[in-house]
């Protein structure tokens, strides 16, 4: 046992804590009281580097600690965030995730066109009227969507049975044929169509937060695979 700050701490515990701290990505998991002054200095450097890397990705605005950046770093991050935001906005499907206030007038016009196109495509699918922003459709588009939704309602039982077969792949322990019913609590919880509820690993929430209802899912013992987005997250089944 070692004595640090008046406490008895096992060497293995100290080593594990130091490894976690020096990773830099998980400040909330670091026990700073178990660090020596020299170690603490190295950890601060690692945390700054990890934060800067995350910020320069541009996609994780809410996870970036902007207050820890120097002016030169902030300028680079602003450019990265603008580029990532514009790319997400131009996809057109994630209106709620687009920071429209950060766009120029020219970019706004392009984004509005992309959002209208994406909304129309979702509406014309016909199967998910709850996801369609009907008030943004032109009269001609609204008529086409009405016909699509009517046809989808008539064919729903047959389409569901035909398009979403379910079988178990025993060699992998995974099960196909599932899809997302709801994404809850900012992506922390995923409810599938069979009623199962999954808690997503905290490090993967940045991905699951962007998942959409109806996306096809492969369900494994410790992860969910979104085959529509080609992404996987660690997850624990709650029920």
Protein backbone atom coordinates (compact mmCIF):
# COMPACT_ATOMS: atom_id res chain seq x y z
CA UNK A 1 0.00 0.00 0.00
CA UNK A 2 1.12 3.55 -0.71
CA UNK A 3 0.25 6.72 1.20
CA UNK A 4 -0.94 9.58 -1.02
CA UNK A 5 -2.52 12.77 0.31
CA UNK A 6 -2.89 11.01 3.66
CA UNK A 7 -4.74 8.02 2.18
CA UNK A 8 -3.70 4.39 1.78
CA UNK A 9 -4.01 3.42 -1.89
CA UNK A 10 -3.15 0.09 -3.54
CA UNK A 11 -0.47 0.33 -6.28
CA UNK A 12 -2.74 -1.38 -8.81
CA UNK A 13 -5.52 1.14 -8.14
CA UNK A 14 -3.05 4.00 -8.62
CA UNK A 15 -1.81 2.53 -11.89
CA UNK A 16 -5.32 1.98 -13.25
CA UNK A 17 -6.38 5.49 -12.31
CA UNK A 18 -3.28 7.00 -13.92
CA UNK A 19 -3.94 5.08 -17.15
CA UNK A 20 -7.51 6.36 -17.22
CA UNK A 21 -6.43 9.92 -16.50
CA UNK A 22 -3.65 9.95 -19.10
CA UNK A 23 -6.11 8.83 -21.77
CA UNK A 24 -7.40 12.39 -21.55
CA UNK A 25 -10.88 11.65 -22.87
CA UNK A 26 -12.61 10.88 -19.58
CA UNK A 27 -11.95 13.64 -17.00
CA UNK A 28 -15.06 12.63 -15.05
CA UNK A 29 -13.54 9.18 -14.42
CA UNK A 30 -10.16 10.51 -13.26
CA UNK A 31 -9.48 10.62 -9.53
CA UNK A 32 -7.15 13.61 -9.36
CA UNK A 33 -6.51 13.10 -5.63
CA UNK A 34 -4.48 9.98 -6.49
CA UNK A 35 -2.09 11.85 -8.77
CA UNK A 36 1.25 13.35 -7.89
CA UNK A 37 1.88 16.97 -9.00
CA UNK A 38 4.02 15.71 -11.91
CA UNK A 39 1.34 13.24 -12.99
CA UNK A 40 -1.35 15.89 -12.72
CA UNK A 41 0.58 18.13 -15.08
CA UNK A 42 0.85 15.33 -17.66
CA UNK A 43 -2.86 14.55 -17.28
CA UNK A 44 -3.78 18.18 -17.93
CA UNK A 45 -1.73 18.10 -21.12
CA UNK A 46 -3.42 14.85 -22.20
CA UNK A 47 -6.89 16.22 -21.44
CA UNK A 48 -6.18 19.38 -23.43
CA UNK A 49 -4.98 17.34 -26.42
CA UNK A 50 -8.00 15.02 -26.24
CA UNK A 51 -10.41 17.94 -25.97
CA UNK A 52 -8.79 19.73 -28.90
CA UNK A 53 -9.00 16.58 -31.03
CA UNK A 54 -12.68 16.18 -30.20
CA UNK A 55 -13.35 19.85 -30.90
CA UNK A 56 -11.53 19.78 -34.25
CA UNK A 57 -13.73 16.91 -35.38
CA UNK A 58 -16.40 19.58 -35.54
CA UNK A 59 -19.37 17.25 -35.07
CA UNK A 60 -19.53 17.25 -31.28
CA UNK A 61 -20.18 20.91 -30.45
CA UNK A 62 -21.79 20.15 -27.10
CA UNK A 63 -18.90 17.91 -26.00
CA UNK A 64 -16.19 20.46 -26.75
CA UNK A 65 -14.86 22.44 -23.79
CA UNK A 66 -14.42 25.69 -25.67
CA UNK A 67 -13.22 27.50 -22.56
CA UNK A 68 -10.06 25.36 -22.49
CA UNK A 69 -8.93 26.45 -25.97
CA UNK A 70 -6.47 29.20 -26.75
CA UNK A 71 -7.35 31.82 -29.42
CA UNK A 72 -5.51 30.00 -32.24
CA UNK A 73 -7.17 26.70 -31.37
CA UNK A 74 -10.57 28.38 -31.08
CA UNK A 75 -10.24 29.80 -34.59
CA UNK A 76 -9.49 26.34 -35.99
CA UNK A 77 -12.37 24.78 -34.06
CA UNK A 78 -14.85 27.40 -35.28
CA UNK A 79 -13.98 26.54 -38.87
CA UNK A 80 -14.24 22.80 -38.19
CA UNK A 81 -17.59 23.16 -36.44
CA UNK A 82 -18.97 25.32 -39.24
CA UNK A 83 -17.91 22.79 -41.85
CA UNK A 84 -19.33 19.83 -39.90
CA UNK A 85 -22.57 21.67 -39.18
CA UNK A 86 -22.99 22.61 -42.84
CA UNK A 87 -22.38 19.02 -43.92
CA UNK A 88 -24.99 17.74 -41.45
CA UNK A 89 -27.46 20.44 -42.49
CA UNK A 90 -27.04 19.69 -46.19
CA UNK A 91 -27.98 16.07 -45.56
CA UNK A 92 -31.45 17.45 -45.06
CA UNK A 93 -32.70 14.68 -42.78
CA UNK A 94 -31.63 16.08 -39.41
CA UNK A 95 -33.39 19.44 -39.15
CA UNK A 96 -33.38 19.48 -35.36
CA UNK A 97 -29.60 18.90 -35.25
CA UNK A 98 -28.75 21.66 -37.72
CA UNK A 99 -27.60 24.96 -36.19
CA UNK A 100 -29.25 27.20 -38.75
CA UNK A 101 -28.05 30.36 -36.99
CA UNK A 102 -24.44 29.49 -37.86
CA UNK A 103 -25.09 29.41 -41.61
CA UNK A 104 -24.62 32.16 -44.16
CA UNK A 105 -27.55 33.38 -46.26
CA UNK A 106 -26.31 31.36 -49.24
CA UNK A 107 -25.87 28.24 -47.12
CA UNK A 108 -29.34 28.68 -45.62
CA UNK A 109 -30.87 28.58 -49.08
CA UNK A 110 -29.04 25.36 -50.00
CA UNK A 111 -29.95 23.77 -46.66
CA UNK A 112 -33.63 24.64 -47.02
CA UNK A 113 -33.67 22.99 -50.44
CA UNK A 114 -31.95 19.88 -49.04
CA UNK A 115 -34.38 19.71 -46.10
CA UNK A 116 -37.37 20.03 -48.41
CA UNK A 117 -36.04 17.29 -50.67
CA UNK A 118 -35.35 14.96 -47.73
CA UNK A 119 -38.74 15.64 -46.18
CA UNK A 120 -40.52 14.95 -49.46
CA UNK A 121 -38.66 11.66 -49.86
CA UNK A 122 -39.65 10.59 -46.33
CA UNK A 123 -43.25 11.63 -46.93
CA UNK A 124 -43.51 9.79 -50.24
CA UNK A 125 -42.43 6.57 -48.53
CA UNK A 126 -45.94 6.65 -47.14
CA UNK A 127 -45.32 4.34 -44.20
CA UNK A 128 -44.36 6.96 -41.60
CA UNK A 129 -46.77 9.93 -41.73
CA UNK A 130 -45.69 10.95 -38.25
CA UNK A 131 -42.23 11.79 -39.58
CA UNK A 132 -43.54 13.83 -42.50
CA UNK A 133 -43.72 17.62 -42.18
CA UNK A 134 -46.92 17.96 -44.20
CA UNK A 135 -47.12 21.73 -43.76
CA UNK A 136 -43.95 22.18 -45.84
CA UNK A 137 -45.37 20.44 -48.90
CA UNK A 138 -46.73 22.15 -51.99
CA UNK A 139 -50.34 21.29 -52.95
CA UNK A 140 -49.06 18.97 -55.70
CA UNK A 141 -46.63 17.27 -53.31
CA UNK A 142 -49.32 16.94 -50.65
CA UNK A 143 -51.56 15.11 -53.09
CA UNK A 144 -48.77 12.68 -54.02
CA UNK A 145 -48.00 12.07 -50.34
CA UNK A 146 -51.67 11.45 -49.56
CA UNK A 147 -51.79 8.76 -52.22
CA UNK A 148 -48.54 7.20 -50.97
CA UNK A 149 -49.75 7.09 -47.37
CA UNK A 150 -53.07 5.61 -48.41
CA UNK A 151 -51.37 2.90 -50.45
CA UNK A 152 -48.89 2.15 -47.64
CA UNK A 153 -51.73 1.72 -45.15
CA UNK A 154 -53.42 -0.82 -47.41
CA UNK A 155 -50.19 -2.79 -47.93
CA UNK A 156 -48.70 -2.45 -44.43
CA UNK A 157 -49.29 -6.02 -43.11
CA UNK A 158 -47.89 -7.63 -46.26
CA UNK A 159 -44.92 -5.27 -46.48
CA UNK A 160 -43.98 -5.75 -42.85
CA UNK A 161 -43.99 -9.53 -43.16
CA UNK A 162 -42.07 -9.50 -46.41
CA UNK A 163 -39.45 -6.79 -45.81
CA UNK A 164 -38.56 -7.50 -42.19
CA UNK A 165 -37.94 -11.22 -41.77
CA UNK A 166 -36.49 -12.24 -38.42
CA UNK A 167 -34.04 -15.00 -37.80
CA UNK A 168 -31.29 -15.75 -35.32
CA UNK A 169 -27.68 -16.10 -36.43
CA UNK A 170 -26.47 -18.63 -33.86
CA UNK A 171 -22.83 -18.34 -34.88
CA UNK A 172 -22.69 -14.69 -33.86
CA UNK A 173 -25.35 -14.52 -31.18
CA UNK A 174 -27.05 -11.71 -33.10
CA UNK A 175 -30.62 -11.38 -34.33
CA UNK A 176 -31.71 -9.56 -37.46
CA UNK A 177 -35.11 -8.22 -38.45
CA UNK A 178 -35.42 -5.53 -35.77
CA UNK A 179 -35.87 -1.80 -36.16
CA UNK A 180 -35.93 1.29 -33.97
CA UNK A 181 -39.23 2.29 -32.44
CA UNK A 182 -37.97 5.25 -30.41
CA UNK A 183 -34.70 7.05 -29.61
CA UNK A 184 -34.99 8.44 -26.09
CA UNK A 185 -33.06 10.68 -23.72
CA UNK A 186 -30.76 12.07 -26.38
CA UNK A 187 -29.71 8.64 -27.62
CA UNK A 188 -29.01 7.12 -24.20
CA UNK A 189 -31.95 4.73 -24.56
CA UNK A 190 -33.11 2.85 -27.65
CA UNK A 191 -36.48 1.11 -27.80
CA UNK A 192 -36.92 -1.50 -30.52
CA UNK A 193 -40.13 -2.59 -32.22
CA UNK A 194 -40.31 -5.76 -30.08
CA UNK A 195 -40.55 -3.65 -26.91
CA UNK A 196 -36.98 -4.31 -25.78
CA UNK A 197 -35.21 -1.34 -24.18
CA UNK A 198 -31.46 -0.81 -24.49
CA UNK A 199 -29.10 1.48 -22.60
CA UNK A 200 -26.35 2.76 -24.90
CA UNK A 201 -22.77 2.99 -23.62
CA UNK A 202 -21.97 6.61 -22.78
CA UNK A 203 -19.07 6.79 -25.25
CA UNK A 204 -21.41 5.82 -28.11
CA UNK A 205 -24.29 8.18 -27.36
CA UNK A 206 -22.90 10.73 -29.83
CA UNK A 207 -23.73 8.20 -32.56
CA UNK A 208 -27.05 6.82 -31.30
CA UNK A 209 -28.38 10.35 -30.71
CA UNK A 210 -28.49 10.75 -34.50
CA UNK A 211 -30.30 7.47 -35.19
CA UNK A 212 -33.80 7.66 -36.56
CA UNK A 213 -36.93 5.63 -35.87
CA UNK A 214 -37.54 2.82 -38.40
CA UNK A 215 -33.79 2.28 -38.97
CA UNK A 216 -32.99 -1.43 -39.32
CA UNK A 217 -31.14 -2.93 -36.36
CA UNK A 218 -29.14 -6.10 -35.77
CA UNK A 219 -29.48 -6.95 -32.08
CA UNK A 220 -26.52 -8.62 -30.36
CA UNK A 221 -25.81 -9.48 -26.72
CA UNK A 222 -23.80 -6.33 -26.03
CA UNK A 223 -24.36 -4.04 -28.99
CA UNK A 224 -26.83 -2.69 -31.52
CA UNK A 225 -25.87 -2.41 -35.18
CA UNK A 226 -27.67 0.18 -37.30
CA UNK A 227 -27.45 -1.26 -40.79
CA UNK A 228 -29.00 1.84 -42.36
CA UNK A 229 -26.23 4.12 -41.02
CA UNK A 230 -23.56 1.37 -40.93
CA UNK A 231 -22.83 2.13 -37.26
CA UNK A 232 -22.63 0.05 -34.09
CA UNK A 233 -22.93 1.07 -30.45
CA UNK A 234 -22.25 -0.81 -27.25
CA UNK A 235 -25.52 -1.40 -25.41
CA UNK A 236 -27.03 -3.27 -22.47
CA UNK A 237 -30.55 -4.69 -22.62
CA UNK A 238 -32.70 -3.40 -19.75
CA UNK A 239 -35.81 -5.41 -20.57
